[in-house]
Amino acid sequence: MKILVIGDPHGDVKKLRKIPKKDVDLILLTGDLGKADLMRKMVFENIERKKKGLEEKEFSPRQKKKAFMEAYNSSMIVVKYLSKFSPVYTIYGNVESSNSETKNYSKKIGLPLPLLTDNLNKIKGVRVINNKLVKLNRIRIGGLEYFVDTNWVVDFKPSDYSKKLKKAMKETKKARSVLKKFGRVDILIHHQPPYGYLDKVGKMAPKTWQGKHAGSKLILNYIRNNKPKYAFCGHIHEGEGHVKIGKTEVYNLGVGGWKIIEL
């Protein structure tokens, strides 16, 4: 079975066109499907304001919807394009929103928003595999959606620390349960890298973040204990590269990087 794995597309179809897709049986994506320029700008603007002792800027509902739709529309374009060549399985990164998250956000800003998960799953050959184990021709593929590991909150100390730590503890507990159910897999698709490997934050981030490891200790422990053949991620774009953790081949495919494997 010939599998093409692509790192965070971020809406860049032009880059995807350069990837060889002939005779591929399956395409796997590491999340962050769509363009998130507006989302990133809003988040980092408030990080800088906080450093200067200023109050966070409150963006209007229209601005928030515009940022959401930038990510949504470009996600749909990316997946529709790739689905012309092969079945596509994807997890979610920190750009995408689940149906429940979208509904809550829509209610919060008072504007209607489309449901990405429902609309992706309607595309022929496309499947969202968040926290799911998929078996194809005896190949076991585990899809772990993005979550905030507690170690990230402790190391990066975001605003509303206590609130975010509580949320991270809940998300990490859920991720631990998912990985336990996976057991040993041939391929693990996850968004953020394992802690200490291909996960160092670069110069594009706020200065207080630069040089820190932003990966997940939970994912690292899973790889060490369960030894999948391959582990693929993205998220920390400047960490793009390849390492081995024990017997596991770990690839951070960055933004639109790719790897073809045969199993």
Protein backbone atom coordinates (compact mmCIF):
# COMPACT_ATOMS: atom_id res chain seq x y z
CA MET A 1 0.00 0.00 0.00
CA LYS A 2 1.42 3.37 -1.10
CA ILE A 3 0.64 6.18 1.35
CA LEU A 4 1.33 9.87 0.87
CA VAL A 5 1.55 11.90 4.08
CA ILE A 6 1.37 15.69 3.81
CA GLY A 7 2.18 18.21 6.54
CA ASP A 8 -0.07 21.14 7.47
CA PRO A 9 -1.35 22.44 4.09
CA HIS A 10 -2.52 25.84 5.40
CA GLY A 11 -4.53 26.40 2.24
CA ASP A 12 -1.55 26.36 -0.12
CA VAL A 13 -2.89 24.44 -3.12
CA LYS A 14 -0.09 25.77 -5.33
CA LYS A 15 2.43 23.93 -3.14
CA LEU A 16 0.30 20.78 -3.12
CA ARG A 17 0.30 20.69 -6.93
CA LYS A 18 4.07 20.06 -6.86
CA ILE A 19 3.73 16.90 -4.77
CA PRO A 20 3.77 13.59 -6.74
CA LYS A 21 0.37 11.96 -6.26
CA LYS A 22 0.35 9.32 -9.01
CA ASP A 23 -0.65 5.78 -7.98
CA VAL A 24 -1.08 6.76 -4.33
CA ASP A 25 -3.55 4.56 -2.43
CA LEU A 26 -4.16 6.94 0.48
CA ILE A 27 -3.36 10.52 1.50
CA LEU A 28 -2.94 11.38 5.19
CA LEU A 29 -2.95 14.96 6.51
CA THR A 30 -1.53 16.20 9.82
CA GLY A 31 -4.14 18.94 10.35
CA ASP A 32 -4.14 22.73 9.91
CA LEU A 33 -5.79 22.30 6.54
CA GLY A 34 -6.71 25.92 5.95
CA LYS A 35 -5.12 29.33 5.87
CA ALA A 36 -4.99 30.96 9.31
CA ASP A 37 -3.36 34.32 8.68
CA LEU A 38 -6.20 36.34 10.20
CA MET A 39 -6.53 34.03 13.22
CA ARG A 40 -2.77 34.19 13.87
CA LYS A 41 -2.71 37.97 13.53
CA MET A 42 -5.51 38.38 16.08
CA VAL A 43 -3.89 36.02 18.60
CA PHE A 44 -0.37 37.45 18.35
CA GLU A 45 -1.64 41.05 18.45
CA ASN A 46 -3.16 40.40 21.86
CA ILE A 47 -0.02 38.60 23.08
CA GLU A 48 2.01 41.72 22.22
CA ARG A 49 -0.59 44.00 23.85
CA LYS A 50 -0.41 42.00 27.05
CA LYS A 51 3.40 42.31 27.13
CA LYS A 52 2.97 46.10 26.94
CA GLY A 53 0.47 46.09 29.79
CA LEU A 54 -2.47 46.87 27.53
CA GLU A 55 -5.91 45.31 27.62
CA GLU A 56 -6.71 42.64 25.05
CA LYS A 57 -8.32 43.95 21.89
CA GLU A 58 -11.90 42.78 21.39
CA PHE A 59 -12.47 41.95 17.76
CA SER A 60 -15.93 42.40 16.24
CA PRO A 61 -18.19 39.46 15.34
CA ARG A 62 -17.65 40.26 11.66
CA GLN A 63 -13.86 40.15 12.07
CA LYS A 64 -14.11 36.84 13.92
CA LYS A 65 -16.34 35.34 11.25
CA LYS A 66 -14.00 36.57 8.51
CA ALA A 67 -11.07 34.79 10.19
CA PHE A 68 -13.13 31.62 10.63
CA MET A 69 -14.26 31.64 7.01
CA GLU A 70 -10.72 32.17 5.73
CA ALA A 71 -9.73 28.90 7.43
CA TYR A 72 -12.95 27.08 6.51
CA ASN A 73 -13.00 27.95 2.80
CA SER A 74 -9.33 27.21 2.24
CA SER A 75 -9.68 23.89 4.12
CA MET A 76 -12.49 22.79 1.83
CA ILE A 77 -10.50 23.80 -1.27
CA VAL A 78 -7.42 21.83 -0.14
CA VAL A 79 -9.29 18.63 0.66
CA LYS A 80 -11.46 18.74 -2.47
CA TYR A 81 -8.32 19.11 -4.57
CA LEU A 82 -6.49 16.19 -2.93
CA SER A 83 -9.56 13.93 -3.02
CA LYS A 84 -9.33 13.89 -6.83
CA PHE A 85 -6.23 11.70 -6.58
CA SER A 86 -6.91 9.30 -3.71
CA PRO A 87 -8.97 8.80 -0.56
CA VAL A 88 -8.01 11.42 2.04
CA TYR A 89 -7.91 10.88 5.80
CA THR A 90 -7.23 13.84 8.05
CA ILE A 91 -7.03 14.83 11.68
CA TYR A 92 -7.59 18.33 13.02
CA GLY A 93 -4.88 20.73 14.12
CA ASN A 94 -5.38 23.93 16.07
CA VAL A 95 -6.91 25.73 13.04
CA GLU A 96 -9.97 23.49 12.66
CA SER A 97 -13.05 23.42 14.88
CA SER A 98 -15.28 20.46 15.69
CA ASN A 99 -19.02 20.71 15.09
CA SER A 100 -19.72 21.40 18.76
CA GLU A 101 -16.98 24.04 18.97
CA THR A 102 -18.30 25.73 15.83
CA LYS A 103 -21.86 25.77 17.13
CA ASN A 104 -20.73 27.31 20.43
CA TYR A 105 -18.59 29.90 18.65
CA SER A 106 -21.43 30.75 16.27
CA LYS A 107 -23.72 31.34 19.23
CA LYS A 108 -21.07 33.43 20.97
CA ILE A 109 -20.51 35.82 18.05
CA GLY A 110 -24.16 35.76 16.98
CA LEU A 111 -23.45 34.82 13.36
CA PRO A 112 -24.05 31.57 11.42
CA LEU A 113 -21.02 29.40 10.64
CA PRO A 114 -20.69 26.23 8.48
CA LEU A 115 -19.75 22.89 10.07
CA LEU A 116 -16.39 21.76 8.69
CA THR A 117 -16.56 18.15 9.89
CA ASP A 118 -19.96 17.48 8.33
CA ASN A 119 -18.96 19.08 5.05
CA LEU A 120 -15.59 17.33 4.80
CA ASN A 121 -17.18 13.94 5.43
CA LYS A 122 -19.63 14.61 2.59
CA ILE A 123 -16.77 14.71 0.07
CA LYS A 124 -16.35 11.35 -1.65
CA GLY A 125 -13.38 9.42 -0.25
CA VAL A 126 -12.74 11.88 2.58
CA ARG A 127 -12.80 10.92 6.23
CA VAL A 128 -12.04 12.88 9.39
CA ILE A 129 -10.25 10.42 11.72
CA ASN A 130 -9.97 12.47 14.90
CA ASN A 131 -9.24 10.06 17.77
CA LYS A 132 -10.04 7.06 15.58
CA LEU A 133 -8.22 3.83 14.77
CA VAL A 134 -8.47 2.89 11.10
CA LYS A 135 -7.51 -0.53 9.70
CA LEU A 136 -6.65 -0.80 5.99
CA ASN A 137 -5.16 -3.98 4.51
CA ARG A 138 -3.95 -4.96 7.98
CA ILE A 139 -2.31 -1.55 8.43
CA ARG A 140 -3.30 0.15 11.68
CA ILE A 141 -3.50 3.95 11.50
CA GLY A 142 -4.22 6.01 14.61
CA GLY A 143 -5.48 9.58 14.17
CA LEU A 144 -5.00 11.80 17.22
CA GLU A 145 -6.56 15.26 17.00
CA TYR A 146 -4.74 18.30 18.36
CA PHE A 147 -4.96 18.85 22.09
CA VAL A 148 -3.18 21.12 24.53
CA ASP A 149 -0.84 19.03 26.66
CA THR A 150 -0.48 20.16 30.27
CA ASN A 151 3.29 20.46 29.83
CA TRP A 152 2.74 23.23 27.24
CA VAL A 153 0.67 25.33 29.65
CA VAL A 154 3.25 24.89 32.43
CA ASP A 155 6.16 25.84 30.14
CA PHE A 156 4.55 28.71 28.20
CA LYS A 157 2.37 30.18 30.96
CA PRO A 158 -0.42 31.67 28.81
CA SER A 159 -2.87 34.26 30.13
CA ASP A 160 -5.69 32.86 32.31
CA TYR A 161 -3.16 30.24 33.43
CA SER A 162 -5.41 28.39 35.89
CA LYS A 163 -8.32 28.22 33.46
CA LYS A 164 -6.13 26.97 30.61
CA LEU A 165 -4.33 24.46 32.80
CA LYS A 166 -7.67 23.00 33.88
CA LYS A 167 -8.75 22.73 30.24
CA ALA A 168 -5.41 21.20 29.24
CA MET A 169 -5.68 18.59 31.98
CA LYS A 170 -9.08 17.57 30.61
CA GLU A 171 -7.81 17.41 27.00
CA THR A 172 -4.67 15.49 27.99
CA LYS A 173 -6.72 12.96 29.93
CA LYS A 174 -8.90 12.39 26.87
CA ALA A 175 -5.86 12.04 24.59
CA ARG A 176 -4.28 9.55 26.98
CA SER A 177 -7.44 7.43 26.87
CA VAL A 178 -7.49 7.56 23.05
CA LEU A 179 -3.86 6.48 22.76
CA LYS A 180 -4.42 3.65 25.24
CA LYS A 181 -7.28 2.35 23.07
CA PHE A 182 -5.08 2.56 19.96
CA GLY A 183 -2.49 0.21 21.44
CA ARG A 184 0.25 -0.40 18.90
CA VAL A 185 -0.26 1.15 15.46
CA ASP A 186 1.77 1.13 12.27
CA ILE A 187 1.20 4.85 11.67
CA LEU A 188 0.37 7.55 14.19
CA ILE A 189 -0.92 10.83 12.73
CA HIS A 190 -0.81 13.63 15.30
CA HIS A 191 -0.60 17.41 15.06
CA GLN A 192 2.07 18.57 17.50
CA PRO A 193 5.49 16.86 17.68
CA PRO A 194 6.65 14.71 20.59
CA TYR A 195 8.30 16.76 23.31
CA GLY A 196 11.98 17.48 22.71
CA TYR A 197 11.99 16.34 19.09
CA LEU A 198 11.46 18.64 16.10
CA ASP A 199 9.45 20.96 18.34
CA LYS A 200 11.62 24.00 19.11
CA VAL A 201 9.79 27.32 18.60
CA GLY A 202 11.46 29.71 16.15
CA LYS A 203 11.61 33.43 15.44
CA MET A 204 8.09 33.75 14.04
CA ALA A 205 6.62 33.38 17.53
CA PRO A 206 6.64 35.95 20.37
CA LYS A 207 10.13 36.42 21.86
CA THR A 208 9.21 34.83 25.18
CA TRP A 209 8.31 31.61 23.33
CA GLN A 210 11.36 31.36 21.10
CA GLY A 211 13.71 28.45 21.72
CA LYS A 212 11.28 26.53 23.90
CA HIS A 213 10.10 22.98 23.23
CA ALA A 214 6.39 23.04 22.34
CA GLY A 215 5.78 19.35 21.81
CA SER A 216 3.70 16.89 23.80
CA LYS A 217 5.15 14.70 26.53
CA LEU A 218 2.13 12.41 26.27
CA ILE A 219 2.85 11.74 22.58
CA LEU A 220 6.54 11.18 23.34
CA ASN A 221 5.70 8.58 26.00
CA TYR A 222 3.28 6.84 23.65
CA ILE A 223 5.93 6.56 20.93
CA ARG A 224 8.52 5.25 23.36
CA ASN A 225 6.17 2.67 24.87
CA ASN A 226 4.21 1.51 21.80
CA LYS A 227 6.86 1.88 19.08
CA PRO A 228 4.76 2.66 15.96
CA LYS A 229 6.62 2.23 12.67
CA TYR A 230 5.93 5.84 11.71
CA ALA A 231 4.77 8.99 13.48
CA PHE A 232 3.84 12.06 11.43
CA CYS A 233 3.16 15.58 12.66
CA GLY A 234 3.39 19.29 11.81
CA HIS A 235 2.37 22.29 13.97
CA ILE A 236 5.89 23.58 14.75
CA HIS A 237 6.76 24.50 11.19
CA GLU A 238 10.35 25.49 11.90
CA GLY A 239 10.91 22.01 13.36
CA GLU A 240 10.47 20.30 9.98
CA GLY A 241 12.71 17.25 9.74
CA HIS A 242 13.19 13.57 10.60
CA VAL A 243 14.44 11.76 13.69
CA LYS A 244 14.26 8.27 15.16
CA ILE A 245 12.87 7.64 18.61
CA GLY A 246 13.81 4.04 19.30
CA LYS A 247 12.50 2.12 16.30
CA THR A 248 9.98 4.79 15.31
CA GLU A 249 10.57 7.01 12.28
CA VAL A 250 9.27 10.45 13.30
CA TYR A 251 8.61 13.11 10.68
CA ASN A 252 7.64 16.72 11.26
CA LEU A 253 6.42 17.61 7.77
CA GLY A 254 6.06 21.31 8.49
CA VAL A 255 3.92 23.30 6.04
CA GLY A 256 3.08 21.13 3.06
CA GLY A 257 6.12 18.92 3.35
CA TRP A 258 5.51 15.34 2.27
CA LYS A 259 6.67 11.75 2.57
CA ILE A 260 5.63 8.63 0.65
CA ILE A 261 5.83 5.29 2.44
CA GLU A 262 4.90 1.77 1.35
CA LEU A 263 3.51 -0.78 3.79
